[in-house]
Amino acid sequence: IDNFDVDEDDNLEKLINCGCKFIITTRNDFTDYNYHQIEIKEFDDMDNLRDLFYSYNKIDYCEEERDTIDKIN
């Protein structure tokens, strides 16, 4: 679940207890709920960010498109 940026959700506990495993991205801190949480900091190296982006996106972009992608990131 991407961008689960809410302070509270009535159905979160039901979802977590349904027997499935989830990866949830959020900017909120849910450590008070006793869920396993890993804090990931922003990338400080543009090469690492590019590697991550292109590992999930196999399109062969031209140089101009790559420059635009760098500006967005």
N, C-alpha and C. Protein backbone atom coordinates (compact mmCIF):
# COMPACT_ATOMS: atom_id res chain seq x y z
N ILE A 1 0.87 -1.16 0.00
CA ILE A 1 0.00 0.00 0.00
C ILE A 1 0.92 1.22 0.00
N ASP A 2 0.80 2.03 -1.01
CA ASP A 2 1.71 3.16 -1.17
C ASP A 2 1.07 4.45 -0.64
N ASN A 3 1.88 5.23 0.03
CA ASN A 3 1.47 6.55 0.54
C ASN A 3 0.30 6.47 1.52
N PHE A 4 0.40 5.59 2.47
CA PHE A 4 -0.63 5.47 3.51
C PHE A 4 -0.35 6.55 4.55
N ASP A 5 -0.60 7.77 4.17
CA ASP A 5 -0.24 8.93 4.98
C ASP A 5 -1.45 9.47 5.74
N VAL A 6 -1.96 8.64 6.64
CA VAL A 6 -3.07 9.04 7.50
C VAL A 6 -2.65 8.82 8.95
N ASP A 7 -3.22 9.57 9.84
CA ASP A 7 -2.88 9.42 11.26
C ASP A 7 -3.55 8.19 11.87
N GLU A 8 -4.72 7.86 11.37
CA GLU A 8 -5.48 6.76 11.96
C GLU A 8 -6.43 6.21 10.90
N ASP A 9 -6.65 4.90 10.94
CA ASP A 9 -7.60 4.28 10.02
C ASP A 9 -8.31 3.16 10.78
N ASP A 10 -9.63 3.20 10.81
CA ASP A 10 -10.40 2.22 11.56
C ASP A 10 -10.19 0.79 11.07
N ASN A 11 -9.84 0.62 9.80
CA ASN A 11 -9.70 -0.71 9.23
C ASN A 11 -8.27 -1.21 9.17
N LEU A 12 -7.30 -0.43 9.63
CA LEU A 12 -5.90 -0.84 9.54
C LEU A 12 -5.65 -2.13 10.33
N GLU A 13 -6.15 -2.22 11.54
CA GLU A 13 -5.92 -3.42 12.35
C GLU A 13 -6.55 -4.65 11.70
N LYS A 14 -7.74 -4.51 11.13
CA LYS A 14 -8.37 -5.63 10.41
C LYS A 14 -7.49 -6.07 9.25
N LEU A 15 -6.96 -5.11 8.52
CA LEU A 15 -6.11 -5.41 7.37
C LEU A 15 -4.85 -6.14 7.82
N ILE A 16 -4.18 -5.62 8.83
CA ILE A 16 -2.94 -6.22 9.32
C ILE A 16 -3.18 -7.63 9.86
N ASN A 17 -4.34 -7.87 10.45
CA ASN A 17 -4.64 -9.17 11.06
C ASN A 17 -5.30 -10.16 10.11
N CYS A 18 -5.37 -9.87 8.83
CA CYS A 18 -6.07 -10.76 7.90
C CYS A 18 -5.23 -11.98 7.50
N GLY A 19 -3.98 -12.06 7.94
CA GLY A 19 -3.16 -13.23 7.64
C GLY A 19 -2.26 -13.08 6.43
N CYS A 20 -2.30 -11.93 5.80
CA CYS A 20 -1.43 -11.65 4.65
C CYS A 20 -0.27 -10.77 5.11
N LYS A 21 0.76 -10.72 4.29
CA LYS A 21 1.87 -9.83 4.58
C LYS A 21 1.75 -8.60 3.69
N PHE A 22 2.10 -7.44 4.25
CA PHE A 22 1.96 -6.18 3.53
C PHE A 22 3.25 -5.38 3.63
N ILE A 23 3.51 -4.62 2.60
CA ILE A 23 4.51 -3.56 2.66
C ILE A 23 3.73 -2.27 2.50
N ILE A 24 3.86 -1.40 3.46
CA ILE A 24 3.14 -0.13 3.45
C ILE A 24 4.16 0.99 3.46
N THR A 25 4.06 1.90 2.51
CA THR A 25 4.92 3.08 2.54
C THR A 25 4.12 4.24 3.10
N THR A 26 4.77 5.01 3.94
CA THR A 26 4.10 6.14 4.58
C THR A 26 5.14 7.11 5.12
N ARG A 27 4.72 8.32 5.33
CA ARG A 27 5.57 9.30 5.99
C ARG A 27 5.23 9.37 7.49
N ASN A 28 4.21 8.65 7.88
CA ASN A 28 3.77 8.66 9.28
C ASN A 28 4.52 7.62 10.10
N ASP A 29 4.50 7.80 11.40
CA ASP A 29 5.16 6.89 12.33
C ASP A 29 4.10 6.02 13.00
N PHE A 30 4.17 4.70 12.78
CA PHE A 30 3.21 3.77 13.37
C PHE A 30 3.84 2.89 14.44
N THR A 31 4.97 3.32 15.02
CA THR A 31 5.63 2.50 16.04
C THR A 31 4.77 2.34 17.29
N ASP A 32 3.87 3.26 17.56
CA ASP A 32 2.98 3.13 18.72
C ASP A 32 2.03 1.94 18.58
N TYR A 33 1.82 1.48 17.35
CA TYR A 33 0.92 0.35 17.10
C TYR A 33 1.63 -0.99 17.19
N ASN A 34 2.94 -0.96 17.48
CA ASN A 34 3.74 -2.17 17.62
C ASN A 34 3.86 -2.96 16.30
N TYR A 35 3.81 -2.27 15.17
CA TYR A 35 4.05 -2.89 13.88
C TYR A 35 5.53 -2.78 13.56
N HIS A 36 6.05 -3.77 12.85
CA HIS A 36 7.45 -3.70 12.41
C HIS A 36 7.58 -2.54 11.42
N GLN A 37 8.53 -1.69 11.66
CA GLN A 37 8.68 -0.48 10.83
C GLN A 37 10.16 -0.26 10.54
N ILE A 38 10.47 0.06 9.30
CA ILE A 38 11.83 0.38 8.89
C ILE A 38 11.82 1.80 8.35
N GLU A 39 12.65 2.66 8.90
CA GLU A 39 12.74 4.03 8.41
C GLU A 39 13.79 4.09 7.30
N ILE A 40 13.39 4.61 6.17
CA ILE A 40 14.28 4.73 5.02
C ILE A 40 14.48 6.21 4.73
N LYS A 41 15.71 6.62 4.74
CA LYS A 41 16.05 8.03 4.48
C LYS A 41 16.10 8.29 2.98
N GLU A 42 16.12 9.56 2.62
CA GLU A 42 16.22 9.93 1.21
C GLU A 42 17.61 9.57 0.69
N PHE A 43 17.67 9.35 -0.63
CA PHE A 43 18.95 9.05 -1.27
C PHE A 43 19.82 10.29 -1.30
N ASP A 44 21.08 10.13 -0.98
CA ASP A 44 22.00 11.26 -1.08
C ASP A 44 22.90 11.14 -2.30
N ASP A 45 22.73 10.05 -3.05
CA ASP A 45 23.55 9.82 -4.23
C ASP A 45 22.62 9.60 -5.43
N MET A 46 22.70 10.46 -6.42
CA MET A 46 21.83 10.38 -7.58
C MET A 46 22.00 9.05 -8.32
N ASP A 47 23.21 8.49 -8.31
CA ASP A 47 23.43 7.21 -8.99
C ASP A 47 22.60 6.09 -8.36
N ASN A 48 22.49 6.08 -7.04
CA ASN A 48 21.66 5.08 -6.37
C ASN A 48 20.19 5.24 -6.72
N LEU A 49 19.74 6.47 -6.81
CA LEU A 49 18.36 6.73 -7.18
C LEU A 49 18.09 6.27 -8.61
N ARG A 50 19.01 6.56 -9.51
CA ARG A 50 18.87 6.10 -10.90
C ARG A 50 18.84 4.58 -10.96
N ASP A 51 19.74 3.92 -10.25
CA ASP A 51 19.78 2.45 -10.26
C ASP A 51 18.45 1.86 -9.82
N LEU A 52 17.87 2.42 -8.77
CA LEU A 52 16.58 1.94 -8.29
C LEU A 52 15.49 2.17 -9.34
N PHE A 53 15.44 3.36 -9.90
CA PHE A 53 14.43 3.70 -10.90
C PHE A 53 14.52 2.76 -12.11
N TYR A 54 15.71 2.58 -12.63
CA TYR A 54 15.87 1.79 -13.85
C TYR A 54 15.78 0.29 -13.59
N SER A 55 15.95 -0.15 -12.37
CA SER A 55 15.78 -1.58 -12.08
C SER A 55 14.32 -1.99 -12.18
N TYR A 56 13.40 -1.04 -11.99
CA TYR A 56 11.98 -1.32 -12.11
C TYR A 56 11.37 -0.79 -13.40
N ASN A 57 12.15 -0.09 -14.17
CA ASN A 57 11.67 0.52 -15.40
C ASN A 57 12.66 0.19 -16.51
N LYS A 58 12.33 -0.78 -17.33
CA LYS A 58 13.26 -1.32 -18.32
C LYS A 58 13.20 -0.60 -19.68
N ILE A 59 12.52 0.52 -19.76
CA ILE A 59 12.42 1.27 -21.02
C ILE A 59 13.78 1.89 -21.34
N ASP A 60 14.16 1.82 -22.60
CA ASP A 60 15.44 2.40 -23.05
C ASP A 60 15.19 3.86 -23.44
N TYR A 61 15.43 4.78 -22.51
CA TYR A 61 15.18 6.19 -22.74
C TYR A 61 16.34 6.83 -23.49
N CYS A 62 16.01 7.83 -24.32
CA CYS A 62 17.06 8.61 -24.98
C CYS A 62 17.67 9.58 -23.95
N GLU A 63 18.76 10.20 -24.32
CA GLU A 63 19.47 11.09 -23.38
C GLU A 63 18.59 12.23 -22.89
N GLU A 64 17.82 12.82 -23.79
CA GLU A 64 16.95 13.94 -23.39
C GLU A 64 15.91 13.47 -22.36
N GLU A 65 15.35 12.29 -22.56
CA GLU A 65 14.38 11.75 -21.61
C GLU A 65 15.04 11.45 -20.26
N ARG A 66 16.25 10.90 -20.28
CA ARG A 66 16.97 10.63 -19.04
C ARG A 66 17.25 11.91 -18.27
N ASP A 67 17.60 12.98 -19.00
CA ASP A 67 17.82 14.28 -18.34
C ASP A 67 16.54 14.77 -17.66
N THR A 68 15.42 14.59 -18.34
CA THR A 68 14.13 15.00 -17.76
C THR A 68 13.81 14.17 -16.52
N ILE A 69 14.06 12.87 -16.59
CA ILE A 69 13.84 11.99 -15.44
C ILE A 69 14.70 12.44 -14.26
N ASP A 70 15.94 12.78 -14.52
CA ASP A 70 16.83 13.26 -13.45
C ASP A 70 16.28 14.52 -12.79
N LYS A 71 15.69 15.40 -13.58
CA LYS A 71 15.13 16.63 -13.03
C LYS A 71 13.92 16.34 -12.14
N ILE A 72 13.12 15.36 -12.54
CA ILE A 72 11.93 14.99 -11.76
C ILE A 72 12.33 14.37 -10.44
N ASN A 73 13.35 13.52 -10.48
CA ASN A 73 13.77 12.82 -9.26
C ASN A 73 14.39 13.78 -8.31
